[in-house]
Amino acid sequence: MGRLTRRALLALSLLALSACGGAPRAREQARVQFSVEPATARVYVDDRFVGAAVVLARRPPRFAPGRRHFTVTADGYFPHDVEVDLPSGTTTIRLRLRPIPP
């Protein structure tokens, strides 16, 4: 194959890639913004501790998009479980835990 033909094929390939948006991009990660009362609550994702609610409110954790199981606990409160199908981008989870009666 001649030098000119290879260059022409390369140029056509680059043109075709740019016309269809280029190389496929990796899926954007999912972020979860927590707004939980009480602020002392602890957050678990898929049975793994990820942090205190007060910290996660300021620094949303990142995950691969998909189904996640969240458990939120705090001393003196009933635990709360929620299953969420996380899309790419930011999802906000707002919870107010119920106190355990005396």
PDB file of N, CA and C in Angstrom:
ATOM      1  N   MET A   1       0.852  -1.161   0.000  1.00  0.00           N
ATOM      2  CA  MET A   1       0.000   0.000   0.000  1.00  0.00           C
ATOM      3  C   MET A   1       0.897   1.222   0.000  1.00  0.00           C
ATOM      4  N   GLY A   2       0.602   2.165  -0.885  1.00  0.00           N
ATOM      5  CA  GLY A   2       1.416   3.358  -1.008  1.00  0.00           C
ATOM      6  C   GLY A   2       1.267   4.284   0.188  1.00  0.00           C
ATOM      7  N   ARG A   3       2.244   5.169   0.313  1.00  0.00           N
ATOM      8  CA  ARG A   3       2.269   6.111   1.426  1.00  0.00           C
ATOM      9  C   ARG A   3       1.056   7.028   1.395  1.00  0.00           C
ATOM     10  N   LEU A   4       0.672   7.507   0.244  1.00  0.00           N
ATOM     11  CA  LEU A   4      -0.469   8.399   0.091  1.00  0.00           C
ATOM     12  C   LEU A   4      -1.765   7.684   0.458  1.00  0.00           C
ATOM     13  N   THR A   5      -1.892   6.429   0.078  1.00  0.00           N
ATOM     14  CA  THR A   5      -3.100   5.668   0.383  1.00  0.00           C
ATOM     15  C   THR A   5      -3.246   5.472   1.892  1.00  0.00           C
ATOM     16  N   ARG A   6      -2.162   5.169   2.593  1.00  0.00           N
ATOM     17  CA  ARG A   6      -2.219   5.002   4.052  1.00  0.00           C
ATOM     18  C   ARG A   6      -2.635   6.303   4.716  1.00  0.00           C
ATOM     19  N   ARG A   7      -2.095   7.417   4.263  1.00  0.00           N
ATOM     20  CA  ARG A   7      -2.459   8.719   4.832  1.00  0.00           C
ATOM     21  C   ARG A   7      -3.929   9.024   4.593  1.00  0.00           C
ATOM     22  N   ALA A   8      -4.395   8.698   3.398  1.00  0.00           N
ATOM     23  CA  ALA A   8      -5.801   8.948   3.072  1.00  0.00           C
ATOM     24  C   ALA A   8      -6.708   8.096   3.957  1.00  0.00           C
ATOM     25  N   LEU A   9      -6.351   6.836   4.163  1.00  0.00           N
ATOM     26  CA  LEU A   9      -7.141   5.966   5.036  1.00  0.00           C
ATOM     27  C   LEU A   9      -7.125   6.471   6.476  1.00  0.00           C
ATOM     28  N   LEU A  10      -5.986   6.921   6.961  1.00  0.00           N
ATOM     29  CA  LEU A  10      -5.888   7.459   8.312  1.00  0.00           C
ATOM     30  C   LEU A  10      -6.756   8.704   8.452  1.00  0.00           C
ATOM     31  N   ALA A  11      -6.706   9.586   7.481  1.00  0.00           N
ATOM     32  CA  ALA A  11      -7.514  10.801   7.514  1.00  0.00           C
ATOM     33  C   ALA A  11      -8.999  10.467   7.504  1.00  0.00           C
ATOM     34  N   LEU A  12      -9.402   9.516   6.682  1.00  0.00           N
ATOM     35  CA  LEU A  12     -10.813   9.109   6.641  1.00  0.00           C
ATOM     36  C   LEU A  12     -11.249   8.470   7.961  1.00  0.00           C
ATOM     37  N   SER A  13     -10.368   7.682   8.555  1.00  0.00           N
ATOM     38  CA  SER A  13     -10.690   7.053   9.838  1.00  0.00           C
ATOM     39  C   SER A  13     -10.885   8.101  10.928  1.00  0.00           C
ATOM     40  N   LEU A  14      -9.985   9.080  10.977  1.00  0.00           N
ATOM     41  CA  LEU A  14     -10.107  10.150  11.977  1.00  0.00           C
ATOM     42  C   LEU A  14     -11.361  10.976  11.740  1.00  0.00           C
ATOM     43  N   LEU A  15     -11.681  11.237  10.496  1.00  0.00           N
ATOM     44  CA  LEU A  15     -12.889  11.983  10.159  1.00  0.00           C
ATOM     45  C   LEU A  15     -14.133  11.215  10.583  1.00  0.00           C
ATOM     46  N   ALA A  16     -14.146   9.911  10.365  1.00  0.00           N
ATOM     47  CA  ALA A  16     -15.292   9.088  10.751  1.00  0.00           C
ATOM     48  C   ALA A  16     -15.446   9.056  12.268  1.00  0.00           C
ATOM     49  N   LEU A  17     -14.339   8.951  12.982  1.00  0.00           N
ATOM     50  CA  LEU A  17     -14.409   8.951  14.441  1.00  0.00           C
ATOM     51  C   LEU A  17     -14.933  10.277  14.982  1.00  0.00           C
ATOM     52  N   SER A  18     -14.481  11.377  14.416  1.00  0.00           N
ATOM     53  CA  SER A  18     -14.938  12.677  14.909  1.00  0.00           C
ATOM     54  C   SER A  18     -16.411  12.906  14.572  1.00  0.00           C
ATOM     55  N   ALA A  19     -16.892  12.352  13.495  1.00  0.00           N
ATOM     56  CA  ALA A  19     -18.294  12.522  13.112  1.00  0.00           C
ATOM     57  C   ALA A  19     -19.223  11.778  14.061  1.00  0.00           C
ATOM     58  N   CYS A  20     -18.764  10.694  14.656  1.00  0.00           N
ATOM     59  CA  CYS A  20     -19.634   9.941  15.553  1.00  0.00           C
ATOM     60  C   CYS A  20     -19.275  10.173  17.016  1.00  0.00           C
ATOM     61  N   GLY A  21     -18.616  11.277  17.302  1.00  0.00           N
ATOM     62  CA  GLY A  21     -18.346  11.627  18.687  1.00  0.00           C
ATOM     63  C   GLY A  21     -17.034  11.095  19.221  1.00  0.00           C
ATOM     64  N   GLY A  22     -16.224  10.493  18.400  1.00  0.00           N
ATOM     65  CA  GLY A  22     -14.939  10.002  18.866  1.00  0.00           C
ATOM     66  C   GLY A  22     -15.061   8.676  19.585  1.00  0.00           C
ATOM     67  N   ALA A  23     -14.042   8.385  20.350  1.00  0.00           N
ATOM     68  CA  ALA A  23     -14.022   7.127  21.091  1.00  0.00           C
ATOM     69  C   ALA A  23     -15.086   7.164  22.187  1.00  0.00           C
ATOM     70  N   PRO A  24     -15.656   6.010  22.520  1.00  0.00           N
ATOM     71  CA  PRO A  24     -16.685   5.991  23.564  1.00  0.00           C
ATOM     72  C   PRO A  24     -16.107   6.425  24.905  1.00  0.00           C
ATOM     73  N   ARG A  25     -16.881   7.240  25.663  1.00  0.00           N
ATOM     74  CA  ARG A  25     -16.441   7.717  26.961  1.00  0.00           C
ATOM     75  C   ARG A  25     -16.846   6.719  28.038  1.00  0.00           C
ATOM     76  N   ALA A  26     -16.047   6.676  29.102  1.00  0.00           N
ATOM     77  CA  ALA A  26     -16.405   5.839  30.246  1.00  0.00           C
ATOM     78  C   ALA A  26     -17.639   6.437  30.904  1.00  0.00           C
ATOM     79  N   ARG A  27     -18.486   5.570  31.467  1.00  0.00           N
ATOM     80  CA  ARG A  27     -19.683   6.059  32.144  1.00  0.00           C
ATOM     81  C   ARG A  27     -19.294   6.946  33.311  1.00  0.00           C
ATOM     82  N   GLU A  28     -20.008   8.045  33.448  1.00  0.00           N
ATOM     83  CA  GLU A  28     -19.769   8.953  34.560  1.00  0.00           C
ATOM     84  C   GLU A  28     -20.136   8.247  35.859  1.00  0.00           C
ATOM     85  N   GLN A  29     -19.390   8.530  36.897  1.00  0.00           N
ATOM     86  CA  GLN A  29     -19.669   7.902  38.181  1.00  0.00           C
ATOM     87  C   GLN A  29     -20.909   8.512  38.819  1.00  0.00           C
ATOM     88  N   ALA A  30     -21.474   7.760  39.741  1.00  0.00           N
ATOM     89  CA  ALA A  30     -22.617   8.228  40.513  1.00  0.00           C
ATOM     90  C   ALA A  30     -22.094   8.810  41.826  1.00  0.00           C
ATOM     91  N   ARG A  31     -22.668   9.936  42.248  1.00  0.00           N
ATOM     92  CA  ARG A  31     -22.348  10.540  43.540  1.00  0.00           C
ATOM     93  C   ARG A  31     -23.617  10.517  44.367  1.00  0.00           C
ATOM     94  N   VAL A  32     -23.459  10.337  45.671  1.00  0.00           N
ATOM     95  CA  VAL A  32     -24.619  10.323  46.551  1.00  0.00           C
ATOM     96  C   VAL A  32     -24.453  11.415  47.599  1.00  0.00           C
ATOM     97  N   GLN A  33     -25.358  12.373  47.564  1.00  0.00           N
ATOM     98  CA  GLN A  33     -25.384  13.471  48.534  1.00  0.00           C
ATOM     99  C   GLN A  33     -26.334  13.052  49.655  1.00  0.00           C
ATOM    100  N   PHE A  34     -25.841  12.999  50.897  1.00  0.00           N
ATOM    101  CA  PHE A  34     -26.665  12.578  52.032  1.00  0.00           C
ATOM    102  C   PHE A  34     -27.127  13.777  52.840  1.00  0.00           C
ATOM    103  N   SER A  35     -28.400  13.759  53.202  1.00  0.00           N
ATOM    104  CA  SER A  35     -28.984  14.724  54.128  1.00  0.00           C
ATOM    105  C   SER A  35     -29.728  13.888  55.159  1.00  0.00           C
ATOM    106  N   VAL A  36     -29.069  13.615  56.296  1.00  0.00           N
ATOM    107  CA  VAL A  36     -29.596  12.667  57.276  1.00  0.00           C
ATOM    108  C   VAL A  36     -29.679  13.325  58.647  1.00  0.00           C
ATOM    109  N   GLU A  37     -30.792  13.062  59.319  1.00  0.00           N
ATOM    110  CA  GLU A  37     -30.946  13.467  60.717  1.00  0.00           C
ATOM    111  C   GLU A  37     -31.115  12.200  61.536  1.00  0.00           C
ATOM    112  N   PRO A  38     -30.374  12.010  62.583  1.00  0.00           N
ATOM    113  CA  PRO A  38     -29.399  12.920  63.172  1.00  0.00           C
ATOM    114  C   PRO A  38     -28.073  12.902  62.398  1.00  0.00           C
ATOM    115  N   ALA A  39     -27.303  13.958  62.546  1.00  0.00           N
ATOM    116  CA  ALA A  39     -26.024  14.083  61.844  1.00  0.00           C
ATOM    117  C   ALA A  39     -25.011  13.049  62.327  1.00  0.00           C
ATOM    118  N   THR A  40     -25.273  12.437  63.484  1.00  0.00           N
ATOM    119  CA  THR A  40     -24.363  11.413  64.022  1.00  0.00           C
ATOM    120  C   THR A  40     -24.561  10.048  63.364  1.00  0.00           C
ATOM    121  N   ALA A  41     -25.498   9.949  62.440  1.00  0.00           N
ATOM    122  CA  ALA A  41     -25.800   8.667  61.791  1.00  0.00           C
ATOM    123  C   ALA A  41     -24.587   8.148  61.025  1.00  0.00           C
ATOM    124  N   ARG A  42     -24.543   6.824  60.929  1.00  0.00           N
ATOM    125  CA  ARG A  42     -23.493   6.144  60.168  1.00  0.00           C
ATOM    126  C   ARG A  42     -24.121   5.548  58.911  1.00  0.00           C
ATOM    127  N   VAL A  43     -23.393   5.606  57.809  1.00  0.00           N
ATOM    128  CA  VAL A  43     -23.920   5.137  56.529  1.00  0.00           C
ATOM    129  C   VAL A  43     -23.103   3.941  56.039  1.00  0.00           C
ATOM    130  N   TYR A  44     -23.842   2.895  55.658  1.00  0.00           N
ATOM    131  CA  TYR A  44     -23.250   1.681  55.099  1.00  0.00           C
ATOM    132  C   TYR A  44     -23.794   1.494  53.685  1.00  0.00           C
ATOM    133  N   VAL A  45     -22.930   1.096  52.774  1.00  0.00           N
ATOM    134  CA  VAL A  45     -23.345   0.816  51.402  1.00  0.00           C
ATOM    135  C   VAL A  45     -22.965  -0.620  51.093  1.00  0.00           C
ATOM    136  N   ASP A  46     -23.976  -1.406  50.718  1.00  0.00           N
ATOM    137  CA  ASP A  46     -23.758  -2.826  50.433  1.00  0.00           C
ATOM    138  C   ASP A  46     -23.009  -3.498  51.593  1.00  0.00           C
ATOM    139  N   ASP A  47     -23.468  -3.195  52.829  1.00  0.00           N
ATOM    140  CA  ASP A  47     -22.928  -3.759  54.071  1.00  0.00           C
ATOM    141  C   ASP A  47     -21.497  -3.331  54.386  1.00  0.00           C
ATOM    142  N   ARG A  48     -21.044  -2.241  53.794  1.00  0.00           N
ATOM    143  CA  ARG A  48     -19.690  -1.734  54.044  1.00  0.00           C
ATOM    144  C   ARG A  48     -19.793  -0.292  54.553  1.00  0.00           C
ATOM    145  N   PHE A  49     -19.145   0.010  55.673  1.00  0.00           N
ATOM    146  CA  PHE A  49     -19.183   1.350  56.248  1.00  0.00           C
ATOM    147  C   PHE A  49     -18.503   2.337  55.306  1.00  0.00           C
ATOM    148  N   VAL A  50     -19.208   3.458  55.009  1.00  0.00           N
ATOM    149  CA  VAL A  50     -18.600   4.477  54.148  1.00  0.00           C
ATOM    150  C   VAL A  50     -18.357   5.792  54.871  1.00  0.00           C
ATOM    151  N   GLY A  51     -19.026   6.013  56.021  1.00  0.00           N
ATOM    152  CA  GLY A  51     -18.735   7.222  56.762  1.00  0.00           C
ATOM    153  C   GLY A  51     -19.902   7.747  57.569  1.00  0.00           C
ATOM    154  N   ALA A  52     -19.613   8.799  58.322  1.00  0.00           N
ATOM    155  CA  ALA A  52     -20.638   9.477  59.108  1.00  0.00           C
ATOM    156  C   ALA A  52     -21.441  10.388  58.176  1.00  0.00           C
ATOM    157  N   ALA A  53     -22.726  10.491  58.454  1.00  0.00           N
ATOM    158  CA  ALA A  53     -23.610  11.294  57.597  1.00  0.00           C
ATOM    159  C   ALA A  53     -23.135  12.734  57.487  1.00  0.00           C
ATOM    160  N   VAL A  54     -22.653  13.308  58.579  1.00  0.00           N
ATOM    161  CA  VAL A  54     -22.202  14.703  58.564  1.00  0.00           C
ATOM    162  C   VAL A  54     -21.005  14.891  57.611  1.00  0.00           C
ATOM    163  N   VAL A  55     -20.139  13.907  57.534  1.00  0.00           N
ATOM    164  CA  VAL A  55     -18.984  13.986  56.625  1.00  0.00           C
ATOM    165  C   VAL A  55     -19.431  13.764  55.187  1.00  0.00           C
ATOM    166  N   LEU A  56     -20.300  12.776  54.978  1.00  0.00           N
ATOM    167  CA  LEU A  56     -20.753  12.461  53.621  1.00  0.00           C
ATOM    168  C   LEU A  56     -21.623  13.569  53.033  1.00  0.00           C
ATOM    169  N   ALA A  57     -22.229  14.402  53.883  1.00  0.00           N
ATOM    170  CA  ALA A  57     -23.011  15.527  53.381  1.00  0.00           C
ATOM    171  C   ALA A  57     -22.102  16.544  52.700  1.00  0.00           C
ATOM    172  N   ARG A  58     -20.877  16.662  53.196  1.00  0.00           N
ATOM    173  CA  ARG A  58     -19.921  17.619  52.619  1.00  0.00           C
ATOM    174  C   ARG A  58     -19.073  17.013  51.511  1.00  0.00           C
ATOM    175  N   ARG A  59     -18.850  15.707  51.591  1.00  0.00           N
ATOM    176  CA  ARG A  59     -18.023  15.010  50.592  1.00  0.00           C
ATOM    177  C   ARG A  59     -18.772  13.798  50.068  1.00  0.00           C
ATOM    178  N   PRO A  60     -19.618  14.002  49.074  1.00  0.00           N
ATOM    179  CA  PRO A  60     -20.414  12.872  48.556  1.00  0.00           C
ATOM    180  C   PRO A  60     -19.533  11.755  48.014  1.00  0.00           C
ATOM    181  N   PRO A  61     -19.768  10.525  48.475  1.00  0.00           N
ATOM    182  CA  PRO A  61     -18.986   9.403  47.946  1.00  0.00           C
ATOM    183  C   PRO A  61     -19.370   9.107  46.499  1.00  0.00           C
ATOM    184  N   ARG A  62     -18.462   8.477  45.782  1.00  0.00           N
ATOM    185  CA  ARG A  62     -18.688   8.110  44.377  1.00  0.00           C
ATOM    186  C   ARG A  62     -18.778   6.596  44.253  1.00  0.00           C
ATOM    187  N   PHE A  63     -19.629   6.186  43.337  1.00  0.00           N
ATOM    188  CA  PHE A  63     -19.837   4.764  43.074  1.00  0.00           C
ATOM    189  C   PHE A  63     -20.003   4.572  41.574  1.00  0.00           C
ATOM    190  N   ALA A  64     -19.841   3.342  41.140  1.00  0.00           N
ATOM    191  CA  ALA A  64     -20.207   3.012  39.765  1.00  0.00           C
ATOM    192  C   ALA A  64     -21.738   3.037  39.712  1.00  0.00           C
ATOM    193  N   PRO A  65     -22.330   3.532  38.640  1.00  0.00           N
ATOM    194  CA  PRO A  65     -23.787   3.517  38.543  1.00  0.00           C
ATOM    195  C   PRO A  65     -24.326   2.099  38.691  1.00  0.00           C
ATOM    196  N   GLY A  66     -25.520   1.998  39.260  1.00  0.00           N
ATOM    197  CA  GLY A  66     -26.145   0.691  39.444  1.00  0.00           C
ATOM    198  C   GLY A  66     -26.875   0.613  40.769  1.00  0.00           C
ATOM    199  N   ARG A  67     -27.433  -0.545  41.053  1.00  0.00           N
ATOM    200  CA  ARG A  67     -28.232  -0.745  42.271  1.00  0.00           C
ATOM    201  C   ARG A  67     -27.322  -0.837  43.483  1.00  0.00           C
ATOM    202  N   ARG A  68     -27.683  -0.072  44.526  1.00  0.00           N
ATOM    203  CA  ARG A  68     -26.950  -0.066  45.785  1.00  0.00           C
ATOM    204  C   ARG A  68     -27.925  -0.185  46.948  1.00  0.00           C
ATOM    205  N   HIS A  69     -27.473  -0.851  48.008  1.00  0.00           N
ATOM    206  CA  HIS A  69     -28.268  -1.001  49.230  1.00  0.00           C
ATOM    207  C   HIS A  69     -27.617  -0.130  50.313  1.00  0.00           C
ATOM    208  N   PHE A  70     -28.359   0.849  50.825  1.00  0.00           N
ATOM    209  CA  PHE A  70     -27.872   1.744  51.867  1.00  0.00           C
ATOM    210  C   PHE A  70     -28.540   1.407  53.191  1.00  0.00           C
ATOM    211  N   THR A  71     -27.755   1.387  54.266  1.00  0.00           N
ATOM    212  CA  THR A  71     -28.269   1.242  55.621  1.00  0.00           C
ATOM    213  C   THR A  71     -27.748   2.422  56.420  1.00  0.00           C
ATOM    214  N   VAL A  72     -28.671   3.115  57.105  1.00  0.00           N
ATOM    215  CA  VAL A  72     -28.304   4.270  57.920  1.00  0.00           C
ATOM    216  C   VAL A  72     -28.679   3.942  59.357  1.00  0.00           C
ATOM    217  N   THR A  73     -27.706   4.070  60.279  1.00  0.00           N
ATOM    218  CA  THR A  73     -27.941   3.741  61.684  1.00  0.00           C
ATOM    219  C   THR A  73     -27.453   4.878  62.576  1.00  0.00           C
ATOM    220  N   ALA A  74     -28.037   4.955  63.771  1.00  0.00           N
ATOM    221  CA  ALA A  74     -27.577   5.893  64.802  1.00  0.00           C
ATOM    222  C   ALA A  74     -28.034   5.352  66.144  1.00  0.00           C
ATOM    223  N   ASP A  75     -27.229   5.557  67.169  1.00  0.00           N
ATOM    224  CA  ASP A  75     -27.587   5.101  68.504  1.00  0.00           C
ATOM    225  C   ASP A  75     -28.881   5.781  68.938  1.00  0.00           C
ATOM    226  N   GLY A  76     -29.836   4.964  69.442  1.00  0.00           N
ATOM    227  CA  GLY A  76     -31.104   5.488  69.924  1.00  0.00           C
ATOM    228  C   GLY A  76     -32.152   5.675  68.837  1.00  0.00           C
ATOM    229  N   TYR A  77     -31.860   5.221  67.601  1.00  0.00           N
ATOM    230  CA  TYR A  77     -32.782   5.374  66.468  1.00  0.00           C
ATOM    231  C   TYR A  77     -32.955   4.029  65.770  1.00  0.00           C
ATOM    232  N   PHE A  78     -34.113   3.844  65.150  1.00  0.00           N
ATOM    233  CA  PHE A  78     -34.318   2.661  64.321  1.00  0.00           C
ATOM    234  C   PHE A  78     -33.447   2.777  63.077  1.00  0.00           C
ATOM    235  N   PRO A  79     -32.824   1.681  62.637  1.00  0.00           N
ATOM    236  CA  PRO A  79     -32.052   1.743  61.380  1.00  0.00           C
ATOM    237  C   PRO A  79     -32.992   1.901  60.192  1.00  0.00           C
ATOM    238  N   HIS A  80     -32.463   2.431  59.110  1.00  0.00           N
ATOM    239  CA  HIS A  80     -33.262   2.612  57.898  1.00  0.00           C
ATOM    240  C   HIS A  80     -32.492   2.013  56.724  1.00  0.00           C
ATOM    241  N   ASP A  81     -33.176   1.162  55.963  1.00  0.00           N
ATOM    242  CA  ASP A  81     -32.587   0.548  54.762  1.00  0.00           C
ATOM    243  C   ASP A  81     -33.285   1.118  53.539  1.00  0.00           C
ATOM    244  N   VAL A  82     -32.506   1.388  52.513  1.00  0.00           N
ATOM    245  CA  VAL A  82     -33.079   1.858  51.253  1.00  0.00           C
ATOM    246  C   VAL A  82     -32.255   1.297  50.101  1.00  0.00           C
ATOM    247  N   GLU A  83     -32.953   0.864  49.071  1.00  0.00           N
ATOM    248  CA  GLU A  83     -32.312   0.340  47.867  1.00  0.00           C
ATOM    249  C   GLU A  83     -32.499   1.384  46.763  1.00  0.00           C
ATOM    250  N   VAL A  84     -31.407   1.767  46.106  1.00  0.00           N
ATOM    251  CA  VAL A  84     -31.461   2.824  45.101  1.00  0.00           C
ATOM    252  C   VAL A  84     -30.738   2.362  43.841  1.00  0.00           C
ATOM    253  N   ASP A  85     -31.354   2.615  42.690  1.00  0.00           N
ATOM    254  CA  ASP A  85     -30.700   2.364  41.409  1.00  0.00           C
ATOM    255  C   ASP A  85     -30.027   3.672  41.012  1.00  0.00           C
ATOM    256  N   LEU A  86     -28.723   3.780  41.272  1.00  0.00           N
ATOM    257  CA  LEU A  86     -28.001   5.033  41.059  1.00  0.00           C
ATOM    258  C   LEU A  86     -27.701   5.272  39.586  1.00  0.00           C
ATOM    259  N   PRO A  87     -28.151   6.421  39.064  1.00  0.00           N
ATOM    260  CA  PRO A  87     -27.761   6.799  37.706  1.00  0.00           C
ATOM    261  C   PRO A  87     -26.433   7.559  37.765  1.00  0.00           C
ATOM    262  N   SER A  88     -25.861   7.872  36.634  1.00  0.00           N
ATOM    263  CA  SER A  88     -24.692   8.739  36.589  1.00  0.00           C
ATOM    264  C   SER A  88     -25.096  10.107  37.118  1.00  0.00           C
ATOM    265  N   GLY A  89     -24.146  10.812  37.712  1.00  0.00           N
ATOM    266  CA  GLY A  89     -24.450  12.134  38.253  1.00  0.00           C
ATOM    267  C   GLY A  89     -24.719  12.056  39.748  1.00  0.00           C
ATOM    268  N   THR A  90     -25.376  13.082  40.293  1.00  0.00           N
ATOM    269  CA  THR A  90     -25.603  13.179  41.733  1.00  0.00           C
ATOM    270  C   THR A  90     -27.029  12.810  42.109  1.00  0.00           C
ATOM    271  N   THR A  91     -27.158  11.963  43.118  1.00  0.00           N
ATOM    272  CA  THR A  91     -28.444  11.582  43.691  1.00  0.00           C
ATOM    273  C   THR A  91     -28.435  12.028  45.146  1.00  0.00           C
ATOM    274  N   THR A  92     -29.523  12.634  45.607  1.00  0.00           N
ATOM    275  CA  THR A  92     -29.625  13.061  46.998  1.00  0.00           C
ATOM    276  C   THR A  92     -30.538  12.112  47.758  1.00  0.00           C
ATOM    277  N   ILE A  93     -30.052  11.657  48.906  1.00  0.00           N
ATOM    278  CA  ILE A  93     -30.848  10.807  49.789  1.00  0.00           C
ATOM    279  C   ILE A  93     -31.109  11.608  51.061  1.00  0.00           C
ATOM    280  N   ARG A  94     -32.399  11.877  51.337  1.00  0.00           N
ATOM    281  CA  ARG A  94     -32.803  12.613  52.539  1.00  0.00           C
ATOM    282  C   ARG A  94     -33.526  11.649  53.472  1.00  0.00           C
ATOM    283  N   LEU A  95     -33.050  11.569  54.709  1.00  0.00           N
ATOM    284  CA  LEU A  95     -33.650  10.670  55.686  1.00  0.00           C
ATOM    285  C   LEU A  95     -33.713  11.342  57.052  1.00  0.00           C
ATOM    286  N   ARG A  96     -34.774  11.058  57.766  1.00  0.00           N
ATOM    287  CA  ARG A  96     -34.879  11.444  59.174  1.00  0.00           C
ATOM    288  C   ARG A  96     -35.180  10.159  59.927  1.00  0.00           C
ATOM    289  N   LEU A  97     -34.204   9.676  60.674  1.00  0.00           N
ATOM    290  CA  LEU A  97     -34.380   8.434  61.407  1.00  0.00           C
ATOM    291  C   LEU A  97     -35.394   8.625  62.536  1.00  0.00           C
ATOM    292  N   ARG A  98     -36.161   7.546  62.808  1.00  0.00           N
ATOM    293  CA  ARG A  98     -37.169   7.576  63.880  1.00  0.00           C
ATOM    294  C   ARG A  98     -36.510   7.176  65.198  1.00  0.00           C
ATOM    295  N   PRO A  99     -36.719   7.984  66.251  1.00  0.00           N
ATOM    296  CA  PRO A  99     -36.134   7.619  67.552  1.00  0.00           C
ATOM    297  C   PRO A  99     -36.827   6.384  68.132  1.00  0.00           C
ATOM    298  N   ILE A 100     -36.044   5.586  68.845  1.00  0.00           N
ATOM    299  CA  ILE A 100     -36.601   4.437  69.552  1.00  0.00           C
ATOM    300  C   ILE A 100     -37.243   4.975  70.836  1.00  0.00           C
ATOM    301  N   PRO A 101     -38.521   4.652  71.080  1.00  0.00           N
ATOM    302  CA  PRO A 101     -39.170   5.169  72.284  1.00  0.00           C
ATOM    303  C   PRO A 101     -38.522   4.630  73.563  1.00  0.00           C
ATOM    304  N   PRO A 102     -38.576   5.425  74.635  1.00  0.00           N
ATOM    305  CA  PRO A 102     -37.969   4.983  75.901  1.00  0.00           C
ATOM    306  C   PRO A 102     -38.713   3.814  76.522  1.00  0.00           C
TER     307      PRO A 102
END
